[in-house]
Amino acid sequence: MDLILKACLGAAVVVILAALAKTRNYYIAGLVPLFPTFALIAHYIVGKGRSLEDLKTTILFSAWSIIPYSVYLATLYLLVERLRLETSLALATLAWLVAATVLVSVWVRLH
């Protein structure tokens, strides 16, 4: 039942994104994926299962996770006029993976 609920939630987000993309305010579709659905779940699970200090560390790392997302957006913004959309999305995703790997590597060394 839990899996069905999660699938329905994901489907609802896709429907909302598709509907927003067709409106006059289509750019709001870029805000919807940033709703902290997974952050809420992660912070709840860590907060219930670990110490307050662990939760605070998770929250701090979550704040730093904006960097890979910003790298993704900047890469996509620069490539979308030069390459096909699918190629731009793939390269932007690769840039996110590289930035996320660097972030995790630096985090592990510092903490």
PDB file of N, CA and C in Angstrom:
ATOM      1  N   MET A   1       0.825  -1.197   0.000  1.00  0.00           N
ATOM      2  CA  MET A   1       0.000   0.000   0.000  1.00  0.00           C
ATOM      3  C   MET A   1       0.865   1.255   0.000  1.00  0.00           C
ATOM      4  N   ASP A   2       1.970   1.208   0.768  1.00  0.00           N
ATOM      5  CA  ASP A   2       2.873   2.346   0.851  1.00  0.00           C
ATOM      6  C   ASP A   2       3.473   2.671  -0.518  1.00  0.00           C
ATOM      7  N   LEU A   3       3.845   1.636  -1.267  1.00  0.00           N
ATOM      8  CA  LEU A   3       4.416   1.821  -2.594  1.00  0.00           C
ATOM      9  C   LEU A   3       3.404   2.437  -3.554  1.00  0.00           C
ATOM     10  N   ILE A   4       2.164   2.034  -3.456  1.00  0.00           N
ATOM     11  CA  ILE A   4       1.105   2.601  -4.306  1.00  0.00           C
ATOM     12  C   ILE A   4       0.911   4.078  -4.001  1.00  0.00           C
ATOM     13  N   LEU A   5       0.936   4.443  -2.734  1.00  0.00           N
ATOM     14  CA  LEU A   5       0.796   5.847  -2.343  1.00  0.00           C
ATOM     15  C   LEU A   5       1.931   6.686  -2.917  1.00  0.00           C
ATOM     16  N   LYS A   6       3.159   6.185  -2.839  1.00  0.00           N
ATOM     17  CA  LYS A   6       4.314   6.902  -3.380  1.00  0.00           C
ATOM     18  C   LYS A   6       4.210   7.050  -4.891  1.00  0.00           C
ATOM     19  N   ALA A   7       3.766   6.003  -5.566  1.00  0.00           N
ATOM     20  CA  ALA A   7       3.602   6.065  -7.014  1.00  0.00           C
ATOM     21  C   ALA A   7       2.533   7.083  -7.394  1.00  0.00           C
ATOM     22  N   CYS A   8       1.455   7.128  -6.641  1.00  0.00           N
ATOM     23  CA  CYS A   8       0.388   8.104  -6.907  1.00  0.00           C
ATOM     24  C   CYS A   8       0.870   9.528  -6.671  1.00  0.00           C
ATOM     25  N   LEU A   9       1.679   9.716  -5.639  1.00  0.00           N
ATOM     26  CA  LEU A   9       2.242  11.031  -5.370  1.00  0.00           C
ATOM     27  C   LEU A   9       3.141  11.472  -6.518  1.00  0.00           C
ATOM     28  N   GLY A  10       3.983  10.578  -7.001  1.00  0.00           N
ATOM     29  CA  GLY A  10       4.849  10.884  -8.137  1.00  0.00           C
ATOM     30  C   GLY A  10       4.047  11.203  -9.389  1.00  0.00           C
ATOM     31  N   ALA A  11       3.001  10.438  -9.634  1.00  0.00           N
ATOM     32  CA  ALA A  11       2.139  10.686 -10.792  1.00  0.00           C
ATOM     33  C   ALA A  11       1.436  12.036 -10.663  1.00  0.00           C
ATOM     34  N   ALA A  12       1.023  12.383  -9.461  1.00  0.00           N
ATOM     35  CA  ALA A  12       0.359  13.669  -9.247  1.00  0.00           C
ATOM     36  C   ALA A  12       1.300  14.826  -9.547  1.00  0.00           C
ATOM     37  N   VAL A  13       2.556  14.686  -9.163  1.00  0.00           N
ATOM     38  CA  VAL A  13       3.542  15.737  -9.446  1.00  0.00           C
ATOM     39  C   VAL A  13       3.733  15.885 -10.953  1.00  0.00           C
ATOM     40  N   VAL A  14       3.810  14.783 -11.673  1.00  0.00           N
ATOM     41  CA  VAL A  14       3.958  14.834 -13.130  1.00  0.00           C
ATOM     42  C   VAL A  14       2.754  15.526 -13.762  1.00  0.00           C
ATOM     43  N   VAL A  15       1.557  15.219 -13.294  1.00  0.00           N
ATOM     44  CA  VAL A  15       0.344  15.854 -13.820  1.00  0.00           C
ATOM     45  C   VAL A  15       0.368  17.360 -13.540  1.00  0.00           C
ATOM     46  N   ILE A  16       0.772  17.739 -12.343  1.00  0.00           N
ATOM     47  CA  ILE A  16       0.860  19.162 -11.992  1.00  0.00           C
ATOM     48  C   ILE A  16       1.883  19.863 -12.895  1.00  0.00           C
ATOM     49  N   LEU A  17       3.038  19.239 -13.096  1.00  0.00           N
ATOM     50  CA  LEU A  17       4.060  19.826 -13.967  1.00  0.00           C
ATOM     51  C   LEU A  17       3.545  19.997 -15.393  1.00  0.00           C
ATOM     52  N   ALA A  18       2.890  18.979 -15.915  1.00  0.00           N
ATOM     53  CA  ALA A  18       2.363  19.053 -17.279  1.00  0.00           C
ATOM     54  C   ALA A  18       1.301  20.143 -17.398  1.00  0.00           C
ATOM     55  N   ALA A  19       0.437  20.252 -16.402  1.00  0.00           N
ATOM     56  CA  ALA A  19      -0.608  21.279 -16.427  1.00  0.00           C
ATOM     57  C   ALA A  19       0.004  22.675 -16.342  1.00  0.00           C
ATOM     58  N   LEU A  20       0.966  22.857 -15.457  1.00  0.00           N
ATOM     59  CA  LEU A  20       1.612  24.169 -15.319  1.00  0.00           C
ATOM     60  C   LEU A  20       2.372  24.566 -16.578  1.00  0.00           C
ATOM     61  N   ALA A  21       2.991  23.600 -17.242  1.00  0.00           N
ATOM     62  CA  ALA A  21       3.753  23.886 -18.457  1.00  0.00           C
ATOM     63  C   ALA A  21       2.876  24.435 -19.573  1.00  0.00           C
ATOM     64  N   LYS A  22       1.581  24.184 -19.503  1.00  0.00           N
ATOM     65  CA  LYS A  22       0.652  24.638 -20.543  1.00  0.00           C
ATOM     66  C   LYS A  22      -0.008  25.969 -20.210  1.00  0.00           C
ATOM     67  N   THR A  23       0.289  26.530 -19.041  1.00  0.00           N
ATOM     68  CA  THR A  23      -0.351  27.782 -18.632  1.00  0.00           C
ATOM     69  C   THR A  23       0.475  28.989 -19.065  1.00  0.00           C
ATOM     70  N   ARG A  24      -0.088  30.148 -18.851  1.00  0.00           N
ATOM     71  CA  ARG A  24       0.606  31.403 -19.135  1.00  0.00           C
ATOM     72  C   ARG A  24       1.830  31.548 -18.225  1.00  0.00           C
ATOM     73  N   ASN A  25       1.747  30.967 -17.051  1.00  0.00           N
ATOM     74  CA  ASN A  25       2.850  31.013 -16.088  1.00  0.00           C
ATOM     75  C   ASN A  25       3.638  29.703 -16.102  1.00  0.00           C
ATOM     76  N   TYR A  26       4.000  29.248 -17.295  1.00  0.00           N
ATOM     77  CA  TYR A  26       4.678  27.973 -17.500  1.00  0.00           C
ATOM     78  C   TYR A  26       5.952  27.822 -16.667  1.00  0.00           C
ATOM     79  N   TYR A  27       6.640  28.915 -16.372  1.00  0.00           N
ATOM     80  CA  TYR A  27       7.909  28.878 -15.645  1.00  0.00           C
ATOM     81  C   TYR A  27       7.743  28.369 -14.214  1.00  0.00           C
ATOM     82  N   ILE A  28       6.529  28.424 -13.679  1.00  0.00           N
ATOM     83  CA  ILE A  28       6.286  27.915 -12.324  1.00  0.00           C
ATOM     84  C   ILE A  28       6.528  26.407 -12.266  1.00  0.00           C
ATOM     85  N   ALA A  29       6.466  25.747 -13.426  1.00  0.00           N
ATOM     86  CA  ALA A  29       6.769  24.312 -13.471  1.00  0.00           C
ATOM     87  C   ALA A  29       8.187  24.041 -12.967  1.00  0.00           C
ATOM     88  N   GLY A  30       9.072  25.017 -13.042  1.00  0.00           N
ATOM     89  CA  GLY A  30      10.426  24.861 -12.525  1.00  0.00           C
ATOM     90  C   GLY A  30      10.504  24.924 -11.011  1.00  0.00           C
ATOM     91  N   LEU A  31       9.445  25.417 -10.370  1.00  0.00           N
ATOM     92  CA  LEU A  31       9.420  25.508  -8.910  1.00  0.00           C
ATOM     93  C   LEU A  31       8.906  24.220  -8.260  1.00  0.00           C
ATOM     94  N   VAL A  32       7.991  23.561  -8.912  1.00  0.00           N
ATOM     95  CA  VAL A  32       7.347  22.370  -8.339  1.00  0.00           C
ATOM     96  C   VAL A  32       8.348  21.277  -7.930  1.00  0.00           C
ATOM     97  N   PRO A  33       9.347  20.963  -8.773  1.00  0.00           N
ATOM     98  CA  PRO A  33      10.282  19.912  -8.355  1.00  0.00           C
ATOM     99  C   PRO A  33      11.100  20.275  -7.118  1.00  0.00           C
ATOM    100  N   LEU A  34      11.120  21.542  -6.768  1.00  0.00           N
ATOM    101  CA  LEU A  34      11.885  21.960  -5.599  1.00  0.00           C
ATOM    102  C   LEU A  34      11.081  21.893  -4.315  1.00  0.00           C
ATOM    103  N   PHE A  35       9.818  21.492  -4.405  1.00  0.00           N
ATOM    104  CA  PHE A  35       9.064  21.271  -3.171  1.00  0.00           C
ATOM    105  C   PHE A  35       9.785  20.165  -2.410  1.00  0.00           C
ATOM    106  N   PRO A  36      10.040  20.357  -1.134  1.00  0.00           N
ATOM    107  CA  PRO A  36      10.922  19.431  -0.414  1.00  0.00           C
ATOM    108  C   PRO A  36      10.299  18.093  -0.013  1.00  0.00           C
ATOM    109  N   THR A  37       9.639  17.450  -0.939  1.00  0.00           N
ATOM    110  CA  THR A  37       8.998  16.161  -0.645  1.00  0.00           C
ATOM    111  C   THR A  37       9.994  15.156  -0.082  1.00  0.00           C
ATOM    112  N   PHE A  38      11.073  14.921  -0.817  1.00  0.00           N
ATOM    113  CA  PHE A  38      12.046  13.918  -0.384  1.00  0.00           C
ATOM    114  C   PHE A  38      12.849  14.415   0.813  1.00  0.00           C
ATOM    115  N   ALA A  39      13.073  15.711   0.890  1.00  0.00           N
ATOM    116  CA  ALA A  39      13.770  16.258   2.060  1.00  0.00           C
ATOM    117  C   ALA A  39      12.930  16.048   3.316  1.00  0.00           C
ATOM    118  N   LEU A  40      11.631  16.273   3.210  1.00  0.00           N
ATOM    119  CA  LEU A  40      10.745  16.043   4.355  1.00  0.00           C
ATOM    120  C   LEU A  40      10.836  14.595   4.820  1.00  0.00           C
ATOM    121  N   ILE A  41      10.793  13.686   3.857  1.00  0.00           N
ATOM    122  CA  ILE A  41      10.862  12.262   4.189  1.00  0.00           C
ATOM    123  C   ILE A  41      12.216  11.931   4.823  1.00  0.00           C
ATOM    124  N   ALA A  42      13.296  12.395   4.195  1.00  0.00           N
ATOM    125  CA  ALA A  42      14.640  12.097   4.702  1.00  0.00           C
ATOM    126  C   ALA A  42      14.842  12.687   6.095  1.00  0.00           C
ATOM    127  N   HIS A  43      14.425  13.931   6.282  1.00  0.00           N
ATOM    128  CA  HIS A  43      14.627  14.572   7.583  1.00  0.00           C
ATOM    129  C   HIS A  43      13.776  13.916   8.666  1.00  0.00           C
ATOM    130  N   TYR A  44      12.594  13.478   8.300  1.00  0.00           N
ATOM    131  CA  TYR A  44      11.747  12.771   9.264  1.00  0.00           C
ATOM    132  C   TYR A  44      12.391  11.444   9.678  1.00  0.00           C
ATOM    133  N   ILE A  45      12.856  10.689   8.683  1.00  0.00           N
ATOM    134  CA  ILE A  45      13.456   9.386   8.976  1.00  0.00           C
ATOM    135  C   ILE A  45      14.713   9.551   9.826  1.00  0.00           C
ATOM    136  N   VAL A  46      15.580  10.481   9.450  1.00  0.00           N
ATOM    137  CA  VAL A  46      16.800  10.708  10.232  1.00  0.00           C
ATOM    138  C   VAL A  46      16.440  11.241  11.612  1.00  0.00           C
ATOM    139  N   GLY A  47      15.483  12.172  11.669  1.00  0.00           N
ATOM    140  CA  GLY A  47      15.088  12.757  12.952  1.00  0.00           C
ATOM    141  C   GLY A  47      14.474  11.757  13.907  1.00  0.00           C
ATOM    142  N   LYS A  48      13.766  10.769  13.379  1.00  0.00           N
ATOM    143  CA  LYS A  48      13.152   9.752  14.239  1.00  0.00           C
ATOM    144  C   LYS A  48      14.123   8.632  14.607  1.00  0.00           C
ATOM    145  N   GLY A  49      15.095   8.372  13.753  1.00  0.00           N
ATOM    146  CA  GLY A  49      15.950   7.213  13.970  1.00  0.00           C
ATOM    147  C   GLY A  49      17.348   7.512  14.472  1.00  0.00           C
ATOM    148  N   ARG A  50      17.721   8.799  14.489  1.00  0.00           N
ATOM    149  CA  ARG A  50      19.087   9.138  14.876  1.00  0.00           C
ATOM    150  C   ARG A  50      19.065  10.305  15.852  1.00  0.00           C
ATOM    151  N   SER A  51      20.227  10.768  16.238  1.00  0.00           N
ATOM    152  CA  SER A  51      20.324  11.852  17.218  1.00  0.00           C
ATOM    153  C   SER A  51      19.986  13.203  16.594  1.00  0.00           C
ATOM    154  N   LEU A  52      19.741  14.170  17.451  1.00  0.00           N
ATOM    155  CA  LEU A  52      19.480  15.537  17.004  1.00  0.00           C
ATOM    156  C   LEU A  52      20.692  16.087  16.247  1.00  0.00           C
ATOM    157  N   GLU A  53      21.876  15.746  16.699  1.00  0.00           N
ATOM    158  CA  GLU A  53      23.100  16.201  16.016  1.00  0.00           C
ATOM    159  C   GLU A  53      23.189  15.607  14.614  1.00  0.00           C
ATOM    160  N   ASP A  54      22.809  14.348  14.464  1.00  0.00           N
ATOM    161  CA  ASP A  54      22.789  13.712  13.136  1.00  0.00           C
ATOM    162  C   ASP A  54      21.775  14.398  12.231  1.00  0.00           C
ATOM    163  N   LEU A  55      20.626  14.746  12.772  1.00  0.00           N
ATOM    164  CA  LEU A  55      19.614  15.457  11.989  1.00  0.00           C
ATOM    165  C   LEU A  55      20.144  16.813  11.544  1.00  0.00           C
ATOM    166  N   LYS A  56      20.795  17.532  12.441  1.00  0.00           N
ATOM    167  CA  LYS A  56      21.344  18.839  12.086  1.00  0.00           C
ATOM    168  C   LYS A  56      22.424  18.709  11.009  1.00  0.00           C
ATOM    169  N   THR A  57      23.229  17.656  11.083  1.00  0.00           N
ATOM    170  CA  THR A  57      24.240  17.418  10.053  1.00  0.00           C
ATOM    171  C   THR A  57      23.567  17.140   8.711  1.00  0.00           C
ATOM    172  N   THR A  58      22.509  16.347   8.734  1.00  0.00           N
ATOM    173  CA  THR A  58      21.761  16.052   7.510  1.00  0.00           C
ATOM    174  C   THR A  58      21.164  17.320   6.922  1.00  0.00           C
ATOM    175  N   ILE A  59      20.619  18.175   7.757  1.00  0.00           N
ATOM    176  CA  ILE A  59      20.042  19.445   7.293  1.00  0.00           C
ATOM    177  C   ILE A  59      21.124  20.319   6.664  1.00  0.00           C
ATOM    178  N   LEU A  60      22.279  20.398   7.306  1.00  0.00           N
ATOM    179  CA  LEU A  60      23.379  21.200   6.772  1.00  0.00           C
ATOM    180  C   LEU A  60      23.844  20.661   5.426  1.00  0.00           C
ATOM    181  N   PHE A  61      23.999  19.336   5.332  1.00  0.00           N
ATOM    182  CA  PHE A  61      24.393  18.741   4.051  1.00  0.00           C
ATOM    183  C   PHE A  61      23.325  19.008   2.987  1.00  0.00           C
ATOM    184  N   SER A  62      22.066  18.972   3.381  1.00  0.00           N
ATOM    185  CA  SER A  62      20.972  19.270   2.448  1.00  0.00           C
ATOM    186  C   SER A  62      21.111  20.674   1.879  1.00  0.00           C
ATOM    187  N   ALA A  63      21.520  21.623   2.708  1.00  0.00           N
ATOM    188  CA  ALA A  63      21.709  22.993   2.230  1.00  0.00           C
ATOM    189  C   ALA A  63      22.832  23.046   1.186  1.00  0.00           C
ATOM    190  N   TRP A  64      23.913  22.317   1.433  1.00  0.00           N
ATOM    191  CA  TRP A  64      25.015  22.279   0.479  1.00  0.00           C
ATOM    192  C   TRP A  64      24.633  21.577  -0.821  1.00  0.00           C
ATOM    193  N   SER A  65      23.595  20.755  -0.791  1.00  0.00           N
ATOM    194  CA  SER A  65      23.180  20.023  -1.997  1.00  0.00           C
ATOM    195  C   SER A  65      22.613  20.942  -3.067  1.00  0.00           C
ATOM    196  N   ILE A  66      22.414  22.191  -2.733  1.00  0.00           N
ATOM    197  CA  ILE A  66      21.973  23.174  -3.731  1.00  0.00           C
ATOM    198  C   ILE A  66      23.057  23.382  -4.791  1.00  0.00           C
ATOM    199  N   ILE A  67      24.305  23.165  -4.418  1.00  0.00           N
ATOM    200  CA  ILE A  67      25.407  23.381  -5.366  1.00  0.00           C
ATOM    201  C   ILE A  67      25.297  22.466  -6.594  1.00  0.00           C
ATOM    202  N   PRO A  68      25.164  21.144  -6.435  1.00  0.00           N
ATOM    203  CA  PRO A  68      25.017  20.312  -7.642  1.00  0.00           C
ATOM    204  C   PRO A  68      23.782  20.679  -8.475  1.00  0.00           C
ATOM    205  N   TYR A  69      22.698  21.047  -7.815  1.00  0.00           N
ATOM    206  CA  TYR A  69      21.506  21.446  -8.567  1.00  0.00           C
ATOM    207  C   TYR A  69      21.778  22.726  -9.357  1.00  0.00           C
ATOM    208  N   SER A  70      22.496  23.653  -8.765  1.00  0.00           N
ATOM    209  CA  SER A  70      22.849  24.889  -9.468  1.00  0.00           C
ATOM    210  C   SER A  70      23.764  24.605 -10.655  1.00  0.00           C
ATOM    211  N   VAL A  71      24.682  23.656 -10.481  1.00  0.00           N
ATOM    212  CA  VAL A  71      25.556  23.246 -11.586  1.00  0.00           C
ATOM    213  C   VAL A  71      24.708  22.663 -12.714  1.00  0.00           C
ATOM    214  N   TYR A  72      23.744  21.834 -12.365  1.00  0.00           N
ATOM    215  CA  TYR A  72      22.830  21.259 -13.363  1.00  0.00           C
ATOM    216  C   TYR A  72      22.110  22.370 -14.139  1.00  0.00           C
ATOM    217  N   LEU A  73      21.534  23.321 -13.404  1.00  0.00           N
ATOM    218  CA  LEU A  73      20.783  24.396 -14.051  1.00  0.00           C
ATOM    219  C   LEU A  73      21.672  25.261 -14.941  1.00  0.00           C
ATOM    220  N   ALA A  74      22.853  25.613 -14.448  1.00  0.00           N
ATOM    221  CA  ALA A  74      23.768  26.448 -15.235  1.00  0.00           C
ATOM    222  C   ALA A  74      24.202  25.719 -16.507  1.00  0.00           C
ATOM    223  N   THR A  75      24.517  24.442 -16.376  1.00  0.00           N
ATOM    224  CA  THR A  75      24.923  23.647 -17.534  1.00  0.00           C
ATOM    225  C   THR A  75      23.794  23.565 -18.558  1.00  0.00           C
ATOM    226  N   LEU A  76      22.602  23.264 -18.090  1.00  0.00           N
ATOM    227  CA  LEU A  76      21.463  23.170 -18.997  1.00  0.00           C
ATOM    228  C   LEU A  76      21.189  24.502 -19.676  1.00  0.00           C
ATOM    229  N   TYR A  77      21.264  25.583 -18.923  1.00  0.00           N
ATOM    230  CA  TYR A  77      21.022  26.920 -19.470  1.00  0.00           C
ATOM    231  C   TYR A  77      22.013  27.233 -20.594  1.00  0.00           C
ATOM    232  N   LEU A  78      23.272  26.874 -20.390  1.00  0.00           N
ATOM    233  CA  LEU A  78      24.296  27.160 -21.393  1.00  0.00           C
ATOM    234  C   LEU A  78      24.212  26.241 -22.614  1.00  0.00           C
ATOM    235  N   LEU A  79      23.777  25.011 -22.432  1.00  0.00           N
ATOM    236  CA  LEU A  79      23.780  24.045 -23.532  1.00  0.00           C
ATOM    237  C   LEU A  79      22.504  24.019 -24.356  1.00  0.00           C
ATOM    238  N   VAL A  80      21.394  24.427 -23.776  1.00  0.00           N
ATOM    239  CA  VAL A  80      20.099  24.217 -24.429  1.00  0.00           C
ATOM    240  C   VAL A  80      19.984  24.957 -25.770  1.00  0.00           C
ATOM    241  N   GLU A  81      20.724  26.022 -25.949  1.00  0.00           N
ATOM    242  CA  GLU A  81      20.695  26.730 -27.239  1.00  0.00           C
ATOM    243  C   GLU A  81      21.681  26.149 -28.249  1.00  0.00           C
ATOM    244  N   ARG A  82      22.620  25.363 -27.764  1.00  0.00           N
ATOM    245  CA  ARG A  82      23.680  24.849 -28.634  1.00  0.00           C
ATOM    246  C   ARG A  82      23.456  23.409 -29.084  1.00  0.00           C
ATOM    247  N   LEU A  83      22.760  22.625 -28.251  1.00  0.00           N
ATOM    248  CA  LEU A  83      22.595  21.192 -28.516  1.00  0.00           C
ATOM    249  C   LEU A  83      21.120  20.813 -28.478  1.00  0.00           C
ATOM    250  N   ARG A  84      20.829  19.613 -28.929  1.00  0.00           N
ATOM    251  CA  ARG A  84      19.463  19.102 -28.820  1.00  0.00           C
ATOM    252  C   ARG A  84      19.074  19.029 -27.354  1.00  0.00           C
ATOM    253  N   LEU A  85      17.795  19.135 -27.075  1.00  0.00           N
ATOM    254  CA  LEU A  85      17.318  19.138 -25.690  1.00  0.00           C
ATOM    255  C   LEU A  85      17.759  17.884 -24.943  1.00  0.00           C
ATOM    256  N   GLU A  86      17.601  16.725 -25.575  1.00  0.00           N
ATOM    257  CA  GLU A  86      17.950  15.476 -24.911  1.00  0.00           C
ATOM    258  C   GLU A  86      19.447  15.423 -24.554  1.00  0.00           C
ATOM    259  N   THR A  87      20.284  15.886 -25.462  1.00  0.00           N
ATOM    260  CA  THR A  87      21.726  15.919 -25.207  1.00  0.00           C
ATOM    261  C   THR A  87      22.050  16.901 -24.088  1.00  0.00           C
ATOM    262  N   SER A  88      21.412  18.055 -24.129  1.00  0.00           N
ATOM    263  CA  SER A  88      21.614  19.058 -23.079  1.00  0.00           C
ATOM    264  C   SER A  88      21.209  18.516 -21.716  1.00  0.00           C
ATOM    265  N   LEU A  89      20.069  17.843 -21.651  1.00  0.00           N
ATOM    266  CA  LEU A  89      19.610  17.262 -20.389  1.00  0.00           C
ATOM    267  C   LEU A  89      20.573  16.183 -19.890  1.00  0.00           C
ATOM    268  N   ALA A  90      21.051  15.356 -20.806  1.00  0.00           N
ATOM    269  CA  ALA A  90      21.988  14.296 -20.419  1.00  0.00           C
ATOM    270  C   ALA A  90      23.296  14.890 -19.886  1.00  0.00           C
ATOM    271  N   LEU A  91      23.820  15.893 -20.555  1.00  0.00           N
ATOM    272  CA  LEU A  91      25.073  16.505 -20.112  1.00  0.00           C
ATOM    273  C   LEU A  91      24.889  17.280 -18.808  1.00  0.00           C
ATOM    274  N   ALA A  92      23.751  17.921 -18.658  1.00  0.00           N
ATOM    275  CA  ALA A  92      23.474  18.634 -17.406  1.00  0.00           C
ATOM    276  C   ALA A  92      23.353  17.643 -16.247  1.00  0.00           C
ATOM    277  N   THR A  93      22.753  16.496 -16.510  1.00  0.00           N
ATOM    278  CA  THR A  93      22.656  15.455 -15.489  1.00  0.00           C
ATOM    279  C   THR A  93      24.045  14.915 -15.139  1.00  0.00           C
ATOM    280  N   LEU A  94      24.881  14.730 -16.133  1.00  0.00           N
ATOM    281  CA  LEU A  94      26.259  14.299 -15.890  1.00  0.00           C
ATOM    282  C   LEU A  94      26.999  15.349 -15.049  1.00  0.00           C
ATOM    283  N   ALA A  95      26.782  16.625 -15.362  1.00  0.00           N
ATOM    284  CA  ALA A  95      27.409  17.696 -14.581  1.00  0.00           C
ATOM    285  C   ALA A  95      26.931  17.634 -13.128  1.00  0.00           C
ATOM    286  N   TRP A  96      25.627  17.356 -12.934  1.00  0.00           N
ATOM    287  CA  TRP A  96      25.105  17.203 -11.574  1.00  0.00           C
ATOM    288  C   TRP A  96      25.807  16.055 -10.856  1.00  0.00           C
ATOM    289  N   LEU A  97      25.961  14.922 -11.551  1.00  0.00           N
ATOM    290  CA  LEU A  97      26.616  13.760 -10.941  1.00  0.00           C
ATOM    291  C   LEU A  97      28.051  14.071 -10.529  1.00  0.00           C
ATOM    292  N   VAL A  98      28.775  14.787 -11.381  1.00  0.00           N
ATOM    293  CA  VAL A  98      30.154  15.162 -11.060  1.00  0.00           C
ATOM    294  C   VAL A  98      30.171  16.094  -9.855  1.00  0.00           C
ATOM    295  N   ALA A  99      29.314  17.120  -9.873  1.00  0.00           N
ATOM    296  CA  ALA A  99      29.261  18.073  -8.758  1.00  0.00           C
ATOM    297  C   ALA A  99      28.846  17.380  -7.462  1.00  0.00           C
ATOM    298  N   ALA A 100      27.890  16.466  -7.544  1.00  0.00           N
ATOM    299  CA  ALA A 100      27.448  15.739  -6.352  1.00  0.00           C
ATOM    300  C   ALA A 100      28.560  14.842  -5.813  1.00  0.00           C
ATOM    301  N   THR A 101      29.310  14.212  -6.706  1.00  0.00           N
ATOM    302  CA  THR A 101      30.432  13.373  -6.291  1.00  0.00           C
ATOM    303  C   THR A 101      31.500  14.212  -5.591  1.00  0.00           C
ATOM    304  N   VAL A 102      31.791  15.372  -6.150  1.00  0.00           N
ATOM    305  CA  VAL A 102      32.772  16.272  -5.522  1.00  0.00           C
ATOM    306  C   VAL A 102      32.267  16.715  -4.156  1.00  0.00           C
ATOM    307  N   LEU A 103      30.998  17.091  -4.083  1.00  0.00           N
ATOM    308  CA  LEU A 103      30.420  17.533  -2.810  1.00  0.00           C
ATOM    309  C   LEU A 103      30.535  16.438  -1.743  1.00  0.00           C
ATOM    310  N   VAL A 104      30.145  15.223  -2.091  1.00  0.00           N
ATOM    311  CA  VAL A 104      30.204  14.123  -1.124  1.00  0.00           C
ATOM    312  C   VAL A 104      31.651  13.845  -0.725  1.00  0.00           C
ATOM    313  N   SER A 105      32.561  13.864  -1.684  1.00  0.00           N
ATOM    314  CA  SER A 105      33.979  13.614  -1.381  1.00  0.00           C
ATOM    315  C   SER A 105      34.538  14.659  -0.427  1.00  0.00           C
ATOM    316  N   VAL A 106      34.246  15.926  -0.692  1.00  0.00           N
ATOM    317  CA  VAL A 106      34.716  17.004   0.183  1.00  0.00           C
ATOM    318  C   VAL A 106      34.066  16.895   1.559  1.00  0.00           C
ATOM    319  N   TRP A 107      32.769  16.594   1.582  1.00  0.00           N
ATOM    320  CA  TRP A 107      32.045  16.473   2.854  1.00  0.00           C
ATOM    321  C   TRP A 107      32.655  15.367   3.734  1.00  0.00           C
ATOM    322  N   VAL A 108      32.943  14.224   3.102  1.00  0.00           N
ATOM    323  CA  VAL A 108      33.497  13.087   3.848  1.00  0.00           C
ATOM    324  C   VAL A 108      34.868  13.450   4.419  1.00  0.00           C
ATOM    325  N   ARG A 109      35.651  14.170   3.665  1.00  0.00           N
ATOM    326  CA  ARG A 109      36.983  14.555   4.145  1.00  0.00           C
ATOM    327  C   ARG A 109      36.910  15.564   5.292  1.00  0.00           C
ATOM    328  N   LEU A 110      35.923  16.463   5.249  1.00  0.00           N
ATOM    329  CA  LEU A 110      35.820  17.512   6.259  1.00  0.00           C
ATOM    330  C   LEU A 110      35.055  17.083   7.497  1.00  0.00           C
ATOM    331  N   HIS A 111      34.246  16.053   7.375  1.00  0.00           N
ATOM    332  CA  HIS A 111      33.440  15.615   8.513  1.00  0.00           C
ATOM    333  C   HIS A 111      33.839  14.224   8.879  1.00  0.00           C
TER     334      HIS A 111
END
